[in-house]
N, C-alpha and C. Protein backbone atom coordinates (compact mmCIF):
# COMPACT_ATOMS: atom_id res chain seq x y z
N MET A 1 6.51 6.06 -16.63
CA MET A 1 7.17 4.82 -16.17
C MET A 1 6.47 3.62 -16.80
N ASN A 2 7.25 2.72 -17.43
CA ASN A 2 6.63 1.57 -18.06
C ASN A 2 6.30 0.48 -17.05
N ALA A 3 5.58 -0.54 -17.52
CA ALA A 3 5.10 -1.59 -16.62
C ALA A 3 6.24 -2.35 -15.96
N LEU A 4 7.33 -2.57 -16.71
CA LEU A 4 8.45 -3.33 -16.16
C LEU A 4 9.06 -2.60 -14.97
N LEU A 5 9.35 -1.30 -15.14
CA LEU A 5 9.98 -0.54 -14.05
C LEU A 5 9.03 -0.40 -12.87
N PHE A 6 7.76 -0.15 -13.14
CA PHE A 6 6.79 0.00 -12.05
C PHE A 6 6.73 -1.27 -11.21
N THR A 7 6.68 -2.43 -11.88
CA THR A 7 6.62 -3.70 -11.17
C THR A 7 7.91 -3.96 -10.40
N GLU A 8 9.04 -3.65 -11.02
CA GLU A 8 10.32 -3.89 -10.35
C GLU A 8 10.48 -3.00 -9.12
N TYR A 9 10.08 -1.76 -9.20
CA TYR A 9 10.23 -0.86 -8.05
C TYR A 9 9.35 -1.29 -6.88
N ILE A 10 8.15 -1.80 -7.18
CA ILE A 10 7.31 -2.35 -6.12
C ILE A 10 8.04 -3.50 -5.42
N GLY A 11 8.62 -4.38 -6.23
CA GLY A 11 9.34 -5.53 -5.67
C GLY A 11 10.53 -5.10 -4.84
N ILE A 12 11.31 -4.12 -5.31
CA ILE A 12 12.49 -3.67 -4.59
C ILE A 12 12.11 -3.10 -3.22
N ALA A 13 11.09 -2.25 -3.19
CA ALA A 13 10.66 -1.66 -1.92
C ALA A 13 10.20 -2.73 -0.94
N SER A 14 9.40 -3.65 -1.42
CA SER A 14 8.89 -4.71 -0.56
C SER A 14 10.01 -5.63 -0.09
N ALA A 15 10.91 -6.00 -1.00
CA ALA A 15 12.01 -6.90 -0.64
C ALA A 15 12.99 -6.26 0.31
N ALA A 16 13.22 -4.95 0.17
CA ALA A 16 14.12 -4.26 1.09
C ALA A 16 13.58 -4.32 2.51
N LEU A 17 12.28 -4.15 2.67
CA LEU A 17 11.67 -4.25 3.99
C LEU A 17 11.75 -5.67 4.52
N SER A 18 11.51 -6.64 3.66
CA SER A 18 11.63 -8.05 4.05
C SER A 18 13.05 -8.36 4.50
N GLY A 19 14.06 -7.88 3.75
CA GLY A 19 15.45 -8.11 4.12
C GLY A 19 15.82 -7.42 5.42
N PHE A 20 15.28 -6.23 5.63
CA PHE A 20 15.50 -5.51 6.90
C PHE A 20 15.01 -6.35 8.08
N LEU A 21 13.79 -6.85 7.98
CA LEU A 21 13.22 -7.66 9.07
C LEU A 21 14.04 -8.93 9.30
N PHE A 22 14.53 -9.51 8.20
CA PHE A 22 15.33 -10.73 8.32
C PHE A 22 16.65 -10.44 9.02
N GLY A 23 17.29 -9.34 8.65
CA GLY A 23 18.54 -8.97 9.30
C GLY A 23 18.37 -8.70 10.78
N VAL A 24 17.26 -8.07 11.15
CA VAL A 24 16.96 -7.83 12.57
C VAL A 24 16.79 -9.15 13.31
N LYS A 25 16.07 -10.09 12.68
CA LYS A 25 15.87 -11.40 13.29
C LYS A 25 17.18 -12.11 13.58
N LYS A 26 18.14 -11.97 12.66
CA LYS A 26 19.42 -12.65 12.80
C LYS A 26 20.39 -11.92 13.71
N GLY A 27 19.97 -10.79 14.27
CA GLY A 27 20.81 -10.04 15.20
C GLY A 27 21.97 -9.34 14.53
N CYS A 28 21.82 -8.96 13.27
CA CYS A 28 22.90 -8.28 12.54
C CYS A 28 23.09 -6.85 13.04
N ASP A 29 24.30 -6.31 12.83
CA ASP A 29 24.50 -4.88 13.06
C ASP A 29 23.92 -4.13 11.87
N TRP A 30 24.08 -2.79 11.87
CA TRP A 30 23.43 -2.00 10.81
C TRP A 30 23.99 -2.31 9.43
N LEU A 31 25.29 -2.61 9.35
CA LEU A 31 25.85 -2.99 8.05
C LEU A 31 25.26 -4.32 7.60
N GLY A 32 25.16 -5.28 8.51
CA GLY A 32 24.58 -6.57 8.16
C GLY A 32 23.14 -6.44 7.72
N ILE A 33 22.39 -5.56 8.38
CA ILE A 33 20.99 -5.35 7.99
C ILE A 33 20.91 -4.73 6.60
N PHE A 34 21.82 -3.78 6.31
CA PHE A 34 21.83 -3.19 4.96
C PHE A 34 22.14 -4.25 3.91
N VAL A 35 23.12 -5.10 4.19
CA VAL A 35 23.49 -6.15 3.23
C VAL A 35 22.32 -7.11 3.02
N ALA A 36 21.63 -7.47 4.11
CA ALA A 36 20.47 -8.37 3.99
C ALA A 36 19.39 -7.73 3.14
N ALA A 37 19.12 -6.44 3.36
CA ALA A 37 18.11 -5.74 2.57
C ALA A 37 18.55 -5.60 1.11
N PHE A 38 19.83 -5.27 0.91
CA PHE A 38 20.36 -5.10 -0.44
C PHE A 38 20.26 -6.39 -1.24
N LEU A 39 20.69 -7.51 -0.66
CA LEU A 39 20.66 -8.78 -1.37
C LEU A 39 19.22 -9.22 -1.66
N THR A 40 18.34 -9.07 -0.67
CA THR A 40 16.95 -9.48 -0.87
C THR A 40 16.30 -8.67 -1.98
N ALA A 41 16.58 -7.36 -1.99
CA ALA A 41 15.93 -6.47 -2.95
C ALA A 41 16.55 -6.52 -4.33
N LEU A 42 17.87 -6.68 -4.41
CA LEU A 42 18.56 -6.50 -5.68
C LEU A 42 19.32 -7.72 -6.16
N GLY A 43 19.51 -8.72 -5.30
CA GLY A 43 20.29 -9.89 -5.67
C GLY A 43 19.71 -10.65 -6.85
N GLY A 44 18.40 -10.84 -6.86
CA GLY A 44 17.76 -11.56 -7.96
C GLY A 44 17.91 -10.82 -9.28
N GLY A 45 17.79 -9.50 -9.25
CA GLY A 45 17.96 -8.71 -10.46
C GLY A 45 19.39 -8.74 -10.98
N ILE A 46 20.35 -8.78 -10.06
CA ILE A 46 21.76 -8.88 -10.47
C ILE A 46 22.00 -10.22 -11.17
N LEU A 47 21.47 -11.31 -10.58
CA LEU A 47 21.59 -12.62 -11.23
C LEU A 47 20.93 -12.63 -12.60
N ARG A 48 19.75 -12.03 -12.68
CA ARG A 48 19.01 -11.96 -13.96
C ARG A 48 19.83 -11.26 -15.02
N ASP A 49 20.39 -10.10 -14.69
CA ASP A 49 21.13 -9.33 -15.68
C ASP A 49 22.41 -10.04 -16.10
N MET A 50 23.04 -10.74 -15.16
CA MET A 50 24.24 -11.52 -15.51
C MET A 50 23.88 -12.66 -16.47
N LEU A 51 22.72 -13.29 -16.26
CA LEU A 51 22.31 -14.41 -17.10
C LEU A 51 21.98 -13.97 -18.53
N VAL A 52 21.37 -12.78 -18.66
CA VAL A 52 21.01 -12.32 -20.01
C VAL A 52 22.14 -11.53 -20.66
N GLY A 53 23.20 -11.27 -19.90
CA GLY A 53 24.37 -10.61 -20.46
C GLY A 53 24.21 -9.13 -20.71
N ARG A 54 23.46 -8.44 -19.84
CA ARG A 54 23.33 -7.00 -19.99
C ARG A 54 23.93 -6.31 -18.76
N PRO A 55 24.27 -5.01 -18.84
CA PRO A 55 24.80 -4.31 -17.67
C PRO A 55 23.81 -4.40 -16.50
N VAL A 56 24.35 -4.58 -15.30
CA VAL A 56 23.49 -4.74 -14.13
C VAL A 56 22.71 -3.45 -13.88
N TYR A 57 21.39 -3.53 -13.94
CA TYR A 57 20.53 -2.35 -13.85
C TYR A 57 20.76 -1.60 -12.53
N SER A 58 20.93 -2.34 -11.44
CA SER A 58 21.08 -1.71 -10.12
C SER A 58 22.36 -0.90 -10.01
N PHE A 59 23.36 -1.18 -10.88
CA PHE A 59 24.63 -0.49 -10.82
C PHE A 59 24.79 0.55 -11.92
N THR A 60 23.80 0.66 -12.79
CA THR A 60 23.84 1.68 -13.85
C THR A 60 22.74 2.72 -13.68
N HIS A 61 21.87 2.53 -12.69
CA HIS A 61 20.80 3.48 -12.38
C HIS A 61 20.78 3.72 -10.87
N TYR A 62 20.40 4.92 -10.49
CA TYR A 62 20.43 5.29 -9.07
C TYR A 62 19.20 4.84 -8.29
N ILE A 63 18.08 4.65 -8.97
CA ILE A 63 16.83 4.43 -8.25
C ILE A 63 16.81 3.14 -7.42
N PRO A 64 17.27 1.97 -7.93
CA PRO A 64 17.15 0.74 -7.13
C PRO A 64 17.80 0.82 -5.75
N VAL A 65 19.07 1.21 -5.68
CA VAL A 65 19.73 1.30 -4.38
C VAL A 65 19.10 2.41 -3.54
N SER A 66 18.67 3.50 -4.18
CA SER A 66 18.02 4.59 -3.44
C SER A 66 16.74 4.11 -2.78
N ILE A 67 15.98 3.25 -3.46
CA ILE A 67 14.76 2.70 -2.88
C ILE A 67 15.10 1.88 -1.64
N VAL A 68 16.17 1.07 -1.72
CA VAL A 68 16.57 0.26 -0.57
C VAL A 68 16.89 1.16 0.62
N ILE A 69 17.66 2.23 0.38
CA ILE A 69 18.05 3.13 1.47
C ILE A 69 16.83 3.82 2.06
N VAL A 70 15.92 4.28 1.22
CA VAL A 70 14.70 4.95 1.71
C VAL A 70 13.87 3.99 2.56
N MET A 71 13.73 2.75 2.13
CA MET A 71 12.95 1.78 2.89
C MET A 71 13.60 1.47 4.24
N LEU A 72 14.93 1.42 4.28
CA LEU A 72 15.63 1.20 5.54
C LEU A 72 15.40 2.38 6.49
N VAL A 73 15.47 3.59 5.98
CA VAL A 73 15.24 4.77 6.81
C VAL A 73 13.81 4.76 7.36
N LEU A 74 12.84 4.44 6.50
CA LEU A 74 11.44 4.38 6.95
C LEU A 74 11.25 3.31 8.02
N ALA A 75 11.89 2.14 7.81
CA ALA A 75 11.77 1.06 8.80
C ALA A 75 12.34 1.48 10.14
N ILE A 76 13.46 2.22 10.11
CA ILE A 76 14.06 2.69 11.36
C ILE A 76 13.16 3.72 12.03
N LEU A 77 12.64 4.67 11.23
CA LEU A 77 11.77 5.70 11.80
C LEU A 77 10.49 5.10 12.40
N LEU A 78 10.00 4.02 11.80
CA LEU A 78 8.80 3.34 12.32
C LEU A 78 9.15 2.34 13.41
N LYS A 79 10.45 2.25 13.74
CA LYS A 79 10.94 1.38 14.82
C LYS A 79 10.57 -0.10 14.62
N LEU A 80 10.62 -0.53 13.36
CA LEU A 80 10.32 -1.93 13.09
C LEU A 80 11.39 -2.85 13.66
N HIS A 81 12.59 -2.32 13.92
CA HIS A 81 13.66 -3.15 14.48
C HIS A 81 13.45 -3.46 15.96
N THR A 82 12.44 -2.84 16.57
CA THR A 82 12.16 -3.14 17.98
C THR A 82 11.17 -4.28 18.14
N LYS A 83 10.61 -4.77 17.02
CA LYS A 83 9.66 -5.88 17.09
C LYS A 83 10.42 -7.16 17.40
N ARG A 84 9.88 -7.96 18.31
CA ARG A 84 10.58 -9.17 18.73
C ARG A 84 9.75 -10.44 18.49
N GLU A 85 8.66 -10.34 17.72
CA GLU A 85 7.89 -11.54 17.43
C GLU A 85 8.67 -12.45 16.51
N LYS A 86 8.27 -13.71 16.45
CA LYS A 86 8.89 -14.63 15.51
C LYS A 86 8.64 -14.13 14.10
N LEU A 87 9.70 -13.93 13.34
CA LEU A 87 9.60 -13.28 12.05
C LEU A 87 8.62 -13.96 11.11
N GLU A 88 8.72 -15.29 10.99
CA GLU A 88 7.90 -16.00 10.01
C GLU A 88 6.41 -15.92 10.32
N SER A 89 6.05 -15.54 11.53
CA SER A 89 4.63 -15.49 11.90
C SER A 89 4.03 -14.10 11.73
N THR A 90 4.85 -13.10 11.39
CA THR A 90 4.32 -11.75 11.26
C THR A 90 3.73 -11.54 9.87
N PHE A 91 2.55 -10.97 9.82
CA PHE A 91 1.90 -10.74 8.54
C PHE A 91 2.71 -9.79 7.67
N LEU A 92 3.38 -8.80 8.30
CA LEU A 92 4.17 -7.83 7.54
C LEU A 92 5.24 -8.53 6.73
N PHE A 93 5.96 -9.49 7.35
CA PHE A 93 7.01 -10.20 6.63
C PHE A 93 6.43 -11.08 5.53
N ILE A 94 5.37 -11.82 5.84
CA ILE A 94 4.78 -12.71 4.85
C ILE A 94 4.24 -11.92 3.66
N MET A 95 3.62 -10.77 3.94
CA MET A 95 3.05 -9.95 2.87
C MET A 95 4.14 -9.36 1.99
N THR A 96 5.17 -8.77 2.61
CA THR A 96 6.24 -8.17 1.81
C THR A 96 6.96 -9.25 0.99
N ASP A 97 7.12 -10.43 1.58
CA ASP A 97 7.78 -11.52 0.87
C ASP A 97 6.95 -11.97 -0.33
N ALA A 98 5.63 -12.03 -0.17
CA ALA A 98 4.75 -12.41 -1.27
C ALA A 98 4.78 -11.37 -2.38
N VAL A 99 4.75 -10.11 -2.00
CA VAL A 99 4.77 -9.03 -3.00
C VAL A 99 6.07 -9.06 -3.80
N ASP A 100 7.21 -9.23 -3.11
CA ASP A 100 8.45 -9.16 -3.87
C ASP A 100 8.67 -10.38 -4.76
N VAL A 101 8.27 -11.58 -4.30
CA VAL A 101 8.50 -12.75 -5.16
C VAL A 101 7.65 -12.68 -6.43
N ILE A 102 6.42 -12.20 -6.32
CA ILE A 102 5.57 -12.09 -7.51
C ILE A 102 6.05 -10.96 -8.42
N SER A 103 6.39 -9.81 -7.83
CA SER A 103 6.88 -8.69 -8.64
C SER A 103 8.12 -9.08 -9.42
N PHE A 104 9.09 -9.67 -8.72
CA PHE A 104 10.35 -10.03 -9.38
C PHE A 104 10.18 -11.14 -10.40
N SER A 105 9.25 -12.06 -10.13
CA SER A 105 9.00 -13.13 -11.11
C SER A 105 8.44 -12.56 -12.40
N ILE A 106 7.54 -11.58 -12.29
CA ILE A 106 6.98 -10.93 -13.47
C ILE A 106 8.07 -10.17 -14.22
N VAL A 107 8.91 -9.44 -13.47
CA VAL A 107 9.99 -8.68 -14.11
C VAL A 107 10.96 -9.62 -14.82
N GLY A 108 11.32 -10.72 -14.17
CA GLY A 108 12.20 -11.69 -14.80
C GLY A 108 11.62 -12.22 -16.10
N SER A 109 10.32 -12.46 -16.12
CA SER A 109 9.65 -12.92 -17.34
C SER A 109 9.72 -11.87 -18.44
N MET A 110 9.49 -10.62 -18.08
CA MET A 110 9.54 -9.53 -19.06
C MET A 110 10.91 -9.42 -19.70
N VAL A 111 11.94 -9.46 -18.85
CA VAL A 111 13.31 -9.33 -19.36
C VAL A 111 13.66 -10.52 -20.26
N ALA A 112 13.27 -11.72 -19.83
CA ALA A 112 13.54 -12.91 -20.64
C ALA A 112 12.90 -12.79 -22.02
N LEU A 113 11.69 -12.28 -22.09
CA LEU A 113 11.01 -12.13 -23.37
C LEU A 113 11.66 -11.04 -24.22
N GLN A 114 12.19 -10.00 -23.57
CA GLN A 114 12.90 -8.97 -24.31
C GLN A 114 14.12 -9.54 -25.03
N PHE A 115 14.71 -10.60 -24.43
CA PHE A 115 15.89 -11.23 -25.01
C PHE A 115 15.52 -12.49 -25.80
N ASP A 116 14.23 -12.63 -26.12
CA ASP A 116 13.74 -13.71 -26.98
C ASP A 116 13.98 -15.10 -26.40
N TYR A 117 13.89 -15.23 -25.08
CA TYR A 117 14.00 -16.55 -24.46
C TYR A 117 12.74 -17.36 -24.76
N ASN A 118 12.91 -18.70 -24.83
CA ASN A 118 11.75 -19.56 -25.01
C ASN A 118 11.06 -19.77 -23.67
N VAL A 119 10.04 -20.60 -23.64
CA VAL A 119 9.24 -20.76 -22.44
C VAL A 119 10.07 -21.26 -21.27
N TYR A 120 11.03 -22.14 -21.53
CA TYR A 120 11.87 -22.64 -20.43
C TYR A 120 12.74 -21.52 -19.85
N GLY A 121 13.28 -20.71 -20.75
CA GLY A 121 14.10 -19.60 -20.29
C GLY A 121 13.30 -18.59 -19.50
N VAL A 122 12.07 -18.32 -19.95
CA VAL A 122 11.21 -17.37 -19.23
C VAL A 122 10.90 -17.88 -17.83
N VAL A 123 10.54 -19.15 -17.72
CA VAL A 123 10.19 -19.72 -16.41
C VAL A 123 11.39 -19.71 -15.47
N LEU A 124 12.56 -20.11 -15.98
CA LEU A 124 13.74 -20.18 -15.11
C LEU A 124 14.28 -18.80 -14.76
N LEU A 125 14.17 -17.85 -15.68
CA LEU A 125 14.61 -16.49 -15.34
C LEU A 125 13.65 -15.84 -14.35
N ALA A 126 12.35 -16.16 -14.47
CA ALA A 126 11.39 -15.69 -13.47
C ALA A 126 11.75 -16.24 -12.10
N PHE A 127 12.14 -17.51 -12.05
CA PHE A 127 12.53 -18.13 -10.79
C PHE A 127 13.80 -17.48 -10.22
N CYS A 128 14.81 -17.29 -11.06
CA CYS A 128 16.06 -16.67 -10.60
C CYS A 128 15.82 -15.26 -10.07
N ASN A 129 15.02 -14.49 -10.81
CA ASN A 129 14.72 -13.12 -10.38
C ASN A 129 13.83 -13.11 -9.14
N GLY A 130 12.90 -14.07 -9.08
CA GLY A 130 11.93 -14.09 -7.99
C GLY A 130 12.52 -14.52 -6.66
N VAL A 131 13.38 -15.53 -6.66
CA VAL A 131 13.87 -16.07 -5.39
C VAL A 131 15.38 -15.95 -5.23
N GLY A 132 16.08 -15.46 -6.28
CA GLY A 132 17.53 -15.40 -6.22
C GLY A 132 18.07 -14.54 -5.10
N GLY A 133 17.47 -13.37 -4.89
CA GLY A 133 17.94 -12.48 -3.82
C GLY A 133 17.77 -13.10 -2.45
N GLY A 134 16.64 -13.77 -2.24
CA GLY A 134 16.40 -14.44 -0.96
C GLY A 134 17.39 -15.57 -0.71
N ILE A 135 17.74 -16.29 -1.79
CA ILE A 135 18.71 -17.38 -1.64
C ILE A 135 20.07 -16.82 -1.23
N LEU A 136 20.52 -15.75 -1.90
CA LEU A 136 21.81 -15.14 -1.56
C LEU A 136 21.81 -14.66 -0.12
N ARG A 137 20.73 -14.02 0.31
CA ARG A 137 20.62 -13.54 1.69
C ARG A 137 20.69 -14.69 2.67
N ASP A 138 19.93 -15.75 2.42
CA ASP A 138 19.87 -16.87 3.35
C ASP A 138 21.20 -17.60 3.45
N VAL A 139 21.86 -17.78 2.31
CA VAL A 139 23.16 -18.45 2.33
C VAL A 139 24.17 -17.62 3.11
N LEU A 140 24.17 -16.31 2.88
CA LEU A 140 25.10 -15.42 3.58
C LEU A 140 24.87 -15.44 5.09
N LEU A 141 23.60 -15.53 5.49
CA LEU A 141 23.27 -15.51 6.91
C LEU A 141 23.10 -16.91 7.49
N ASN A 142 23.57 -17.92 6.75
CA ASN A 142 23.61 -19.29 7.25
C ASN A 142 22.22 -19.83 7.60
N GLU A 143 21.27 -19.61 6.70
CA GLU A 143 19.91 -20.11 6.86
C GLU A 143 19.59 -21.07 5.72
N VAL A 144 18.76 -22.08 6.00
CA VAL A 144 18.20 -22.88 4.91
C VAL A 144 17.35 -21.95 4.05
N PRO A 145 17.57 -21.90 2.73
CA PRO A 145 16.81 -20.96 1.89
C PRO A 145 15.31 -21.02 2.16
N TRP A 146 14.73 -19.84 2.27
CA TRP A 146 13.32 -19.67 2.63
C TRP A 146 12.40 -20.43 1.68
N PHE A 147 12.75 -20.47 0.39
CA PHE A 147 11.83 -21.09 -0.57
C PHE A 147 11.78 -22.60 -0.40
N PHE A 148 12.73 -23.20 0.33
CA PHE A 148 12.68 -24.63 0.62
C PHE A 148 11.71 -24.95 1.76
N ARG A 149 11.35 -23.93 2.56
CA ARG A 149 10.68 -24.21 3.82
C ARG A 149 9.26 -23.66 3.90
N THR A 150 8.75 -23.09 2.84
CA THR A 150 7.46 -22.42 2.95
C THR A 150 6.59 -22.72 1.73
N GLY A 151 5.29 -22.58 1.89
CA GLY A 151 4.32 -23.06 0.93
C GLY A 151 4.47 -22.63 -0.51
N LEU A 152 4.90 -23.55 -1.36
CA LEU A 152 4.90 -23.38 -2.82
C LEU A 152 5.61 -22.12 -3.30
N TYR A 153 6.63 -21.68 -2.58
CA TYR A 153 7.30 -20.41 -2.87
C TYR A 153 7.93 -20.40 -4.26
N GLY A 154 8.87 -21.32 -4.48
CA GLY A 154 9.51 -21.40 -5.79
C GLY A 154 8.56 -21.82 -6.88
N THR A 155 7.62 -22.69 -6.54
CA THR A 155 6.63 -23.16 -7.53
C THR A 155 5.77 -22.00 -8.03
N ILE A 156 5.35 -21.14 -7.12
CA ILE A 156 4.53 -19.99 -7.50
C ILE A 156 5.34 -19.03 -8.37
N SER A 157 6.62 -18.86 -8.06
CA SER A 157 7.48 -18.01 -8.87
C SER A 157 7.56 -18.52 -10.31
N MET A 158 7.80 -19.81 -10.47
CA MET A 158 7.89 -20.40 -11.80
C MET A 158 6.54 -20.37 -12.50
N GLY A 159 5.46 -20.62 -11.75
CA GLY A 159 4.12 -20.57 -12.33
C GLY A 159 3.77 -19.19 -12.84
N THR A 160 4.21 -18.16 -12.10
CA THR A 160 3.98 -16.78 -12.54
C THR A 160 4.68 -16.51 -13.86
N GLY A 161 5.92 -17.01 -13.97
CA GLY A 161 6.65 -16.85 -15.23
C GLY A 161 5.95 -17.55 -16.39
N LEU A 162 5.43 -18.75 -16.13
CA LEU A 162 4.74 -19.49 -17.18
C LEU A 162 3.47 -18.77 -17.63
N ILE A 163 2.71 -18.27 -16.67
CA ILE A 163 1.48 -17.55 -17.01
C ILE A 163 1.80 -16.29 -17.81
N TYR A 164 2.84 -15.57 -17.39
CA TYR A 164 3.17 -14.34 -18.11
C TYR A 164 3.62 -14.65 -19.54
N TYR A 165 4.29 -15.77 -19.74
CA TYR A 165 4.71 -16.16 -21.09
C TYR A 165 3.49 -16.29 -22.01
N PHE A 166 2.45 -16.96 -21.53
CA PHE A 166 1.25 -17.13 -22.34
C PHE A 166 0.46 -15.82 -22.45
N MET A 167 0.51 -14.98 -21.42
CA MET A 167 -0.10 -13.66 -21.53
C MET A 167 0.55 -12.86 -22.65
N ASP A 168 1.88 -12.94 -22.73
CA ASP A 168 2.60 -12.22 -23.78
C ASP A 168 2.22 -12.75 -25.16
N MET A 169 2.09 -14.08 -25.27
CA MET A 169 1.69 -14.66 -26.56
C MET A 169 0.30 -14.17 -26.97
N ALA A 170 -0.57 -13.94 -25.98
CA ALA A 170 -1.93 -13.50 -26.28
C ALA A 170 -2.04 -11.98 -26.37
N GLY A 171 -0.93 -11.29 -26.17
CA GLY A 171 -0.96 -9.83 -26.26
C GLY A 171 -1.53 -9.16 -25.02
N LEU A 172 -1.59 -9.86 -23.91
CA LEU A 172 -2.18 -9.32 -22.68
C LEU A 172 -1.08 -8.76 -21.78
N THR A 173 -0.39 -7.73 -22.26
CA THR A 173 0.73 -7.17 -21.52
C THR A 173 0.48 -5.73 -21.08
N HIS A 174 -0.76 -5.29 -21.16
CA HIS A 174 -1.12 -3.97 -20.63
C HIS A 174 -0.97 -3.98 -19.12
N ILE A 175 -0.73 -2.82 -18.53
CA ILE A 175 -0.50 -2.72 -17.08
C ILE A 175 -1.66 -3.31 -16.28
N GLY A 176 -2.88 -3.19 -16.82
CA GLY A 176 -4.04 -3.75 -16.12
C GLY A 176 -3.95 -5.26 -15.97
N TRP A 177 -3.54 -5.94 -17.05
CA TRP A 177 -3.39 -7.39 -17.00
C TRP A 177 -2.24 -7.79 -16.10
N ILE A 178 -1.16 -7.02 -16.15
CA ILE A 178 -0.01 -7.32 -15.29
C ILE A 178 -0.37 -7.19 -13.82
N MET A 179 -1.11 -6.14 -13.47
CA MET A 179 -1.50 -5.96 -12.07
C MET A 179 -2.50 -7.03 -11.64
N THR A 180 -3.31 -7.53 -12.58
CA THR A 180 -4.20 -8.64 -12.26
C THR A 180 -3.40 -9.89 -11.92
N LEU A 181 -2.39 -10.19 -12.73
CA LEU A 181 -1.52 -11.33 -12.44
C LEU A 181 -0.80 -11.13 -11.12
N PHE A 182 -0.31 -9.92 -10.88
CA PHE A 182 0.37 -9.60 -9.63
C PHE A 182 -0.54 -9.84 -8.42
N THR A 183 -1.76 -9.33 -8.49
CA THR A 183 -2.70 -9.47 -7.38
C THR A 183 -3.05 -10.93 -7.12
N LEU A 184 -3.35 -11.67 -8.18
CA LEU A 184 -3.70 -13.08 -8.03
C LEU A 184 -2.52 -13.88 -7.48
N GLY A 185 -1.31 -13.54 -7.94
CA GLY A 185 -0.12 -14.24 -7.45
C GLY A 185 0.11 -14.01 -5.98
N VAL A 186 -0.03 -12.76 -5.52
CA VAL A 186 0.16 -12.44 -4.10
C VAL A 186 -0.89 -13.16 -3.25
N VAL A 187 -2.14 -13.11 -3.69
CA VAL A 187 -3.21 -13.77 -2.94
C VAL A 187 -2.96 -15.27 -2.86
N PHE A 188 -2.58 -15.88 -3.98
CA PHE A 188 -2.33 -17.32 -3.98
C PHE A 188 -1.17 -17.68 -3.07
N ARG A 189 -0.13 -16.85 -3.08
CA ARG A 189 1.02 -17.10 -2.20
C ARG A 189 0.62 -17.02 -0.73
N LEU A 190 -0.21 -16.03 -0.37
CA LEU A 190 -0.65 -15.90 1.02
C LEU A 190 -1.51 -17.09 1.43
N VAL A 191 -2.41 -17.51 0.55
CA VAL A 191 -3.25 -18.67 0.85
C VAL A 191 -2.40 -19.92 1.01
N ALA A 192 -1.42 -20.10 0.12
CA ALA A 192 -0.54 -21.27 0.18
C ALA A 192 0.24 -21.30 1.49
N TYR A 193 0.67 -20.12 1.94
CA TYR A 193 1.45 -20.06 3.19
C TYR A 193 0.56 -20.40 4.39
N TYR A 194 -0.58 -19.73 4.49
CA TYR A 194 -1.41 -19.91 5.68
C TYR A 194 -2.13 -21.25 5.71
N ARG A 195 -2.29 -21.88 4.55
CA ARG A 195 -2.87 -23.23 4.51
C ARG A 195 -1.80 -24.31 4.49
N ASN A 196 -0.53 -23.86 4.50
CA ASN A 196 0.60 -24.78 4.57
C ASN A 196 0.61 -25.76 3.40
N TRP A 197 0.37 -25.25 2.19
CA TRP A 197 0.40 -26.10 1.01
C TRP A 197 1.85 -26.39 0.61
N HIS A 198 2.11 -27.62 0.21
CA HIS A 198 3.44 -28.03 -0.24
C HIS A 198 3.31 -29.00 -1.40
N LEU A 199 4.35 -29.09 -2.20
CA LEU A 199 4.41 -30.16 -3.19
C LEU A 199 4.59 -31.50 -2.47
N PRO A 200 4.12 -32.60 -3.08
CA PRO A 200 4.31 -33.91 -2.44
C PRO A 200 5.79 -34.21 -2.27
N LYS A 201 6.12 -34.84 -1.16
CA LYS A 201 7.51 -35.25 -0.90
C LYS A 201 7.76 -36.63 -1.48
N VAL A 202 9.01 -36.87 -1.83
CA VAL A 202 9.40 -38.18 -2.36
C VAL A 202 9.56 -39.13 -1.19
N GLU A 203 8.79 -40.21 -1.20
CA GLU A 203 8.86 -41.19 -0.12
C GLU A 203 9.94 -42.24 -0.43
């Protein structure tokens, strides 16, 4: 398995769990919960593939949707749907959300570079892949998009894309370097959330 697929599968599994928890919070039925998990896990990748003009990976391979289904089954078996704490305050949701945004941002950067995008294209495709699924989920469930309301979410996604662009220029695309970027991105996202970091507002 190459670095791109390994990173994407990590993101899909984490995002499916995040979408499951979000659907439970919104009081959805089982179909609604599946849709929330599906959009969170695969929506960004669908947008990415449409933008680069290639067949949608999630619809030409069995593994992405299968990962979503497996994660939903595991969540049900672990009775995560019985948790009634405020979703945004649970470490499980914050952690899975951090993992998927960084994973998908890295994958978006990789795909953009495969299609010879310049630095702007890499950063914006990282953003679309990183937060696109969450935006689709939030809009469908009538929520203000999560990346508007939490510490440096979209900014970290774009920053990850920018860093990966320069890593690629320097030839630092071995799985070890990618996992280092992934780890640092997740840690920075968690710190930004718990310290409530935000970009300055326009007065």
